[in-house]
């Protein structure tokens, strides 16, 4: 959760959006559809926890 608006400011996000930042600080996935995030994580052999 971006409770302080840091992602909003850094990525210029104006709508409810999922922004997954990888541990190496690259963007892994930016989407407004949670199914896209789940698919991205599955490709990595991971699962989403919300």
PDB file of N, CA and C in Angstrom:
ATOM      1  N   UNK A   1       0.843  -1.182   0.000  1.00  0.00           N
ATOM      2  CA  UNK A   1       0.000   0.000   0.000  1.00  0.00           C
ATOM      3  C   UNK A   1       0.884   1.240   0.000  1.00  0.00           C
ATOM      4  N   UNK A   2       0.541   2.153  -0.845  1.00  0.00           N
ATOM      5  CA  UNK A   2       1.279   3.408  -0.973  1.00  0.00           C
ATOM      6  C   UNK A   2       0.584   4.480  -0.136  1.00  0.00           C
ATOM      7  N   UNK A   3       0.624   4.294   1.177  1.00  0.00           N
ATOM      8  CA  UNK A   3      -0.138   5.179   2.064  1.00  0.00           C
ATOM      9  C   UNK A   3       0.372   6.617   2.076  1.00  0.00           C
ATOM     10  N   UNK A   4       1.618   6.833   1.691  1.00  0.00           N
ATOM     11  CA  UNK A   4       2.180   8.186   1.709  1.00  0.00           C
ATOM     12  C   UNK A   4       2.322   8.792   0.311  1.00  0.00           C
ATOM     13  N   UNK A   5       1.897   8.052  -0.726  1.00  0.00           N
ATOM     14  CA  UNK A   5       1.898   8.577  -2.076  1.00  0.00           C
ATOM     15  C   UNK A   5       3.237   8.549  -2.792  1.00  0.00           C
ATOM     16  N   UNK A   6       4.205   7.794  -2.283  1.00  0.00           N
ATOM     17  CA  UNK A   6       5.530   7.765  -2.910  1.00  0.00           C
ATOM     18  C   UNK A   6       5.480   7.152  -4.316  1.00  0.00           C
ATOM     19  N   UNK A   7       4.807   6.016  -4.477  1.00  0.00           N
ATOM     20  CA  UNK A   7       4.697   5.397  -5.803  1.00  0.00           C
ATOM     21  C   UNK A   7       3.895   6.294  -6.736  1.00  0.00           C
ATOM     22  N   UNK A   8       2.856   6.891  -6.213  1.00  0.00           N
ATOM     23  CA  UNK A   8       2.040   7.811  -7.018  1.00  0.00           C
ATOM     24  C   UNK A   8       2.930   8.908  -7.586  1.00  0.00           C
ATOM     25  N   UNK A   9       3.751   9.498  -6.769  1.00  0.00           N
ATOM     26  CA  UNK A   9       4.622  10.582  -7.214  1.00  0.00           C
ATOM     27  C   UNK A   9       5.722  10.078  -8.151  1.00  0.00           C
ATOM     28  N   UNK A  10       6.351   8.965  -7.813  1.00  0.00           N
ATOM     29  CA  UNK A  10       7.489   8.472  -8.587  1.00  0.00           C
ATOM     30  C   UNK A  10       7.079   7.944  -9.956  1.00  0.00           C
ATOM     31  N   UNK A  11       5.915   7.289 -10.043  1.00  0.00           N
ATOM     32  CA  UNK A  11       5.501   6.646 -11.286  1.00  0.00           C
ATOM     33  C   UNK A  11       4.364   7.366 -11.983  1.00  0.00           C
ATOM     34  N   UNK A  12       3.960   8.521 -11.453  1.00  0.00           N
ATOM     35  CA  UNK A  12       2.904   9.327 -12.058  1.00  0.00           C
ATOM     36  C   UNK A  12       1.635   8.501 -12.269  1.00  0.00           C
ATOM     37  N   UNK A  13       1.230   7.770 -11.232  1.00  0.00           N
ATOM     38  CA  UNK A  13       0.048   6.919 -11.264  1.00  0.00           C
ATOM     39  C   UNK A  13      -1.160   7.743 -10.823  1.00  0.00           C
ATOM     40  N   UNK A  14      -2.224   7.714 -11.639  1.00  0.00           N
ATOM     41  CA  UNK A  14      -3.412   8.514 -11.321  1.00  0.00           C
ATOM     42  C   UNK A  14      -4.645   7.683 -11.027  1.00  0.00           C
ATOM     43  N   UNK A  15      -4.592   6.388 -11.295  1.00  0.00           N
ATOM     44  CA  UNK A  15      -5.729   5.522 -11.028  1.00  0.00           C
ATOM     45  C   UNK A  15      -5.265   4.393 -10.114  1.00  0.00           C
ATOM     46  N   UNK A  16      -6.182   3.665  -9.510  1.00  0.00           N
ATOM     47  CA  UNK A  16      -5.755   2.509  -8.705  1.00  0.00           C
ATOM     48  C   UNK A  16      -4.913   1.563  -9.570  1.00  0.00           C
ATOM     49  N   UNK A  17      -3.680   1.345  -9.171  1.00  0.00           N
ATOM     50  CA  UNK A  17      -2.724   0.604  -9.978  1.00  0.00           C
ATOM     51  C   UNK A  17      -1.843  -0.257  -9.084  1.00  0.00           C
ATOM     52  N   UNK A  18      -1.528  -1.446  -9.559  1.00  0.00           N
ATOM     53  CA  UNK A  18      -0.545  -2.309  -8.896  1.00  0.00           C
ATOM     54  C   UNK A  18       0.816  -2.011  -9.500  1.00  0.00           C
ATOM     55  N   UNK A  19       1.780  -1.707  -8.650  1.00  0.00           N
ATOM     56  CA  UNK A  19       3.153  -1.479  -9.090  1.00  0.00           C
ATOM     57  C   UNK A  19       4.030  -2.447  -8.312  1.00  0.00           C
ATOM     58  N   UNK A  20       4.586  -3.440  -9.011  1.00  0.00           N
ATOM     59  CA  UNK A  20       5.461  -4.402  -8.367  1.00  0.00           C
ATOM     60  C   UNK A  20       6.906  -3.996  -8.646  1.00  0.00           C
ATOM     61  N   UNK A  21       7.630  -3.641  -7.592  1.00  0.00           N
ATOM     62  CA  UNK A  21       9.034  -3.264  -7.718  1.00  0.00           C
ATOM     63  C   UNK A  21       9.865  -4.459  -7.268  1.00  0.00           C
ATOM     64  N   UNK A  22      10.726  -4.924  -8.159  1.00  0.00           N
ATOM     65  CA  UNK A  22      11.567  -6.075  -7.858  1.00  0.00           C
ATOM     66  C   UNK A  22      12.626  -5.695  -6.823  1.00  0.00           C
ATOM     67  N   UNK A  23      13.242  -6.680  -6.177  1.00  0.00           N
ATOM     68  CA  UNK A  23      14.286  -6.385  -5.178  1.00  0.00           C
ATOM     69  C   UNK A  23      15.474  -5.606  -5.744  1.00  0.00           C
ATOM     70  N   UNK A  24      15.692  -5.690  -7.074  1.00  0.00           N
ATOM     71  CA  UNK A  24      16.796  -4.934  -7.683  1.00  0.00           C
ATOM     72  C   UNK A  24      16.343  -3.533  -8.125  1.00  0.00           C
ATOM     73  N   UNK A  25      15.163  -3.123  -7.677  1.00  0.00           N
ATOM     74  CA  UNK A  25      14.574  -1.800  -7.907  1.00  0.00           C
ATOM     75  C   UNK A  25      14.094  -1.559  -9.341  1.00  0.00           C
ATOM     76  N   UNK A  26      13.995  -2.607 -10.151  1.00  0.00           N
ATOM     77  CA  UNK A  26      13.363  -2.489 -11.460  1.00  0.00           C
ATOM     78  C   UNK A  26      11.880  -2.752 -11.307  1.00  0.00           C
ATOM     79  N   UNK A  27      11.091  -2.148 -12.194  1.00  0.00           N
ATOM     80  CA  UNK A  27       9.658  -2.426 -12.196  1.00  0.00           C
ATOM     81  C   UNK A  27       9.423  -3.785 -12.815  1.00  0.00           C
ATOM     82  N   UNK A  28       8.732  -4.635 -12.093  1.00  0.00           N
ATOM     83  CA  UNK A  28       8.415  -5.951 -12.608  1.00  0.00           C
ATOM     84  C   UNK A  28       7.088  -5.967 -13.330  1.00  0.00           C
ATOM     85  N   UNK A  29       6.121  -5.239 -12.797  1.00  0.00           N
ATOM     86  CA  UNK A  29       4.780  -5.256 -13.366  1.00  0.00           C
ATOM     87  C   UNK A  29       4.052  -3.986 -12.938  1.00  0.00           C
ATOM     88  N   UNK A  30       3.400  -3.341 -13.887  1.00  0.00           N
ATOM     89  CA  UNK A  30       2.552  -2.179 -13.608  1.00  0.00           C
ATOM     90  C   UNK A  30       1.239  -2.429 -14.321  1.00  0.00           C
ATOM     91  N   UNK A  31       0.160  -2.517 -13.561  1.00  0.00           N
ATOM     92  CA  UNK A  31      -1.134  -2.861 -14.154  1.00  0.00           C
ATOM     93  C   UNK A  31      -2.275  -2.392 -13.261  1.00  0.00           C
ATOM     94  N   UNK A  32      -3.442  -2.295 -13.839  1.00  0.00           N
ATOM     95  CA  UNK A  32      -4.640  -2.024 -13.042  1.00  0.00           C
ATOM     96  C   UNK A  32      -5.460  -3.298 -12.861  1.00  0.00           C
ATOM     97  N   UNK A  33      -4.960  -4.404 -13.425  1.00  0.00           N
ATOM     98  CA  UNK A  33      -5.678  -5.674 -13.369  1.00  0.00           C
ATOM     99  C   UNK A  33      -4.916  -6.660 -12.485  1.00  0.00           C
ATOM    100  N   UNK A  34      -5.488  -7.048 -11.343  1.00  0.00           N
ATOM    101  CA  UNK A  34      -4.787  -7.976 -10.454  1.00  0.00           C
ATOM    102  C   UNK A  34      -4.461  -9.319 -11.106  1.00  0.00           C
ATOM    103  N   UNK A  35      -5.211  -9.716 -12.125  1.00  0.00           N
ATOM    104  CA  UNK A  35      -4.914 -10.971 -12.825  1.00  0.00           C
ATOM    105  C   UNK A  35      -3.557 -10.891 -13.528  1.00  0.00           C
ATOM    106  N   UNK A  36      -3.187  -9.704 -14.024  1.00  0.00           N
ATOM    107  CA  UNK A  36      -1.875  -9.528 -14.653  1.00  0.00           C
ATOM    108  C   UNK A  36      -0.755  -9.725 -13.641  1.00  0.00           C
ATOM    109  N   UNK A  37      -0.950  -9.203 -12.457  1.00  0.00           N
ATOM    110  CA  UNK A  37       0.044  -9.354 -11.393  1.00  0.00           C
ATOM    111  C   UNK A  37       0.180 -10.822 -11.005  1.00  0.00           C
ATOM    112  N   UNK A  38      -0.930 -11.501 -10.865  1.00  0.00           N
ATOM    113  CA  UNK A  38      -0.901 -12.933 -10.539  1.00  0.00           C
ATOM    114  C   UNK A  38      -0.179 -13.719 -11.625  1.00  0.00           C
ATOM    115  N   UNK A  39      -0.452 -13.401 -12.892  1.00  0.00           N
ATOM    116  CA  UNK A  39       0.194 -14.104 -14.007  1.00  0.00           C
ATOM    117  C   UNK A  39       1.698 -13.853 -14.006  1.00  0.00           C
ATOM    118  N   UNK A  40       2.105 -12.632 -13.737  1.00  0.00           N
ATOM    119  CA  UNK A  40       3.528 -12.297 -13.681  1.00  0.00           C
ATOM    120  C   UNK A  40       4.228 -13.109 -12.588  1.00  0.00           C
ATOM    121  N   UNK A  41       3.623 -13.151 -11.423  1.00  0.00           N
ATOM    122  CA  UNK A  41       4.224 -13.884 -10.309  1.00  0.00           C
ATOM    123  C   UNK A  41       4.257 -15.387 -10.570  1.00  0.00           C
ATOM    124  N   UNK A  42       3.219 -15.912 -11.204  1.00  0.00           N
ATOM    125  CA  UNK A  42       3.208 -17.343 -11.548  1.00  0.00           C
ATOM    126  C   UNK A  42       4.341 -17.687 -12.515  1.00  0.00           C
ATOM    127  N   UNK A  43       4.621 -16.795 -13.467  1.00  0.00           N
ATOM    128  CA  UNK A  43       5.718 -17.017 -14.405  1.00  0.00           C
ATOM    129  C   UNK A  43       7.060 -17.135 -13.674  1.00  0.00           C
ATOM    130  N   UNK A  44       7.153 -16.467 -12.529  1.00  0.00           N
ATOM    131  CA  UNK A  44       8.376 -16.517 -11.727  1.00  0.00           C
ATOM    132  C   UNK A  44       8.357 -17.674 -10.729  1.00  0.00           C
ATOM    133  N   UNK A  45       7.255 -18.414 -10.725  1.00  0.00           N
ATOM    134  CA  UNK A  45       7.125 -19.517  -9.783  1.00  0.00           C
ATOM    135  C   UNK A  45       6.715 -19.064  -8.398  1.00  0.00           C
ATOM    136  N   UNK A  46       6.118 -17.867  -8.330  1.00  0.00           N
ATOM    137  CA  UNK A  46       5.675 -17.296  -7.055  1.00  0.00           C
ATOM    138  C   UNK A  46       4.160 -17.155  -7.069  1.00  0.00           C
ATOM    139  N   UNK A  47       3.587 -16.862  -5.928  1.00  0.00           N
ATOM    140  CA  UNK A  47       2.165 -16.581  -5.852  1.00  0.00           C
ATOM    141  C   UNK A  47       1.961 -15.253  -5.147  1.00  0.00           C
ATOM    142  N   UNK A  48       0.883 -14.586  -5.506  1.00  0.00           N
ATOM    143  CA  UNK A  48       0.565 -13.288  -4.888  1.00  0.00           C
ATOM    144  C   UNK A  48      -0.074 -13.516  -3.527  1.00  0.00           C
ATOM    145  N   UNK A  49       0.272 -12.683  -2.596  1.00  0.00           N
ATOM    146  CA  UNK A  49      -0.411 -12.680  -1.292  1.00  0.00           C
ATOM    147  C   UNK A  49      -0.936 -11.286  -1.067  1.00  0.00           C
ATOM    148  N   UNK A  50      -2.230 -11.203  -0.815  1.00  0.00           N
ATOM    149  CA  UNK A  50      -2.851  -9.881  -0.622  1.00  0.00           C
ATOM    150  C   UNK A  50      -3.467  -9.809   0.741  1.00  0.00           C
TER     151      UNK A  50
END
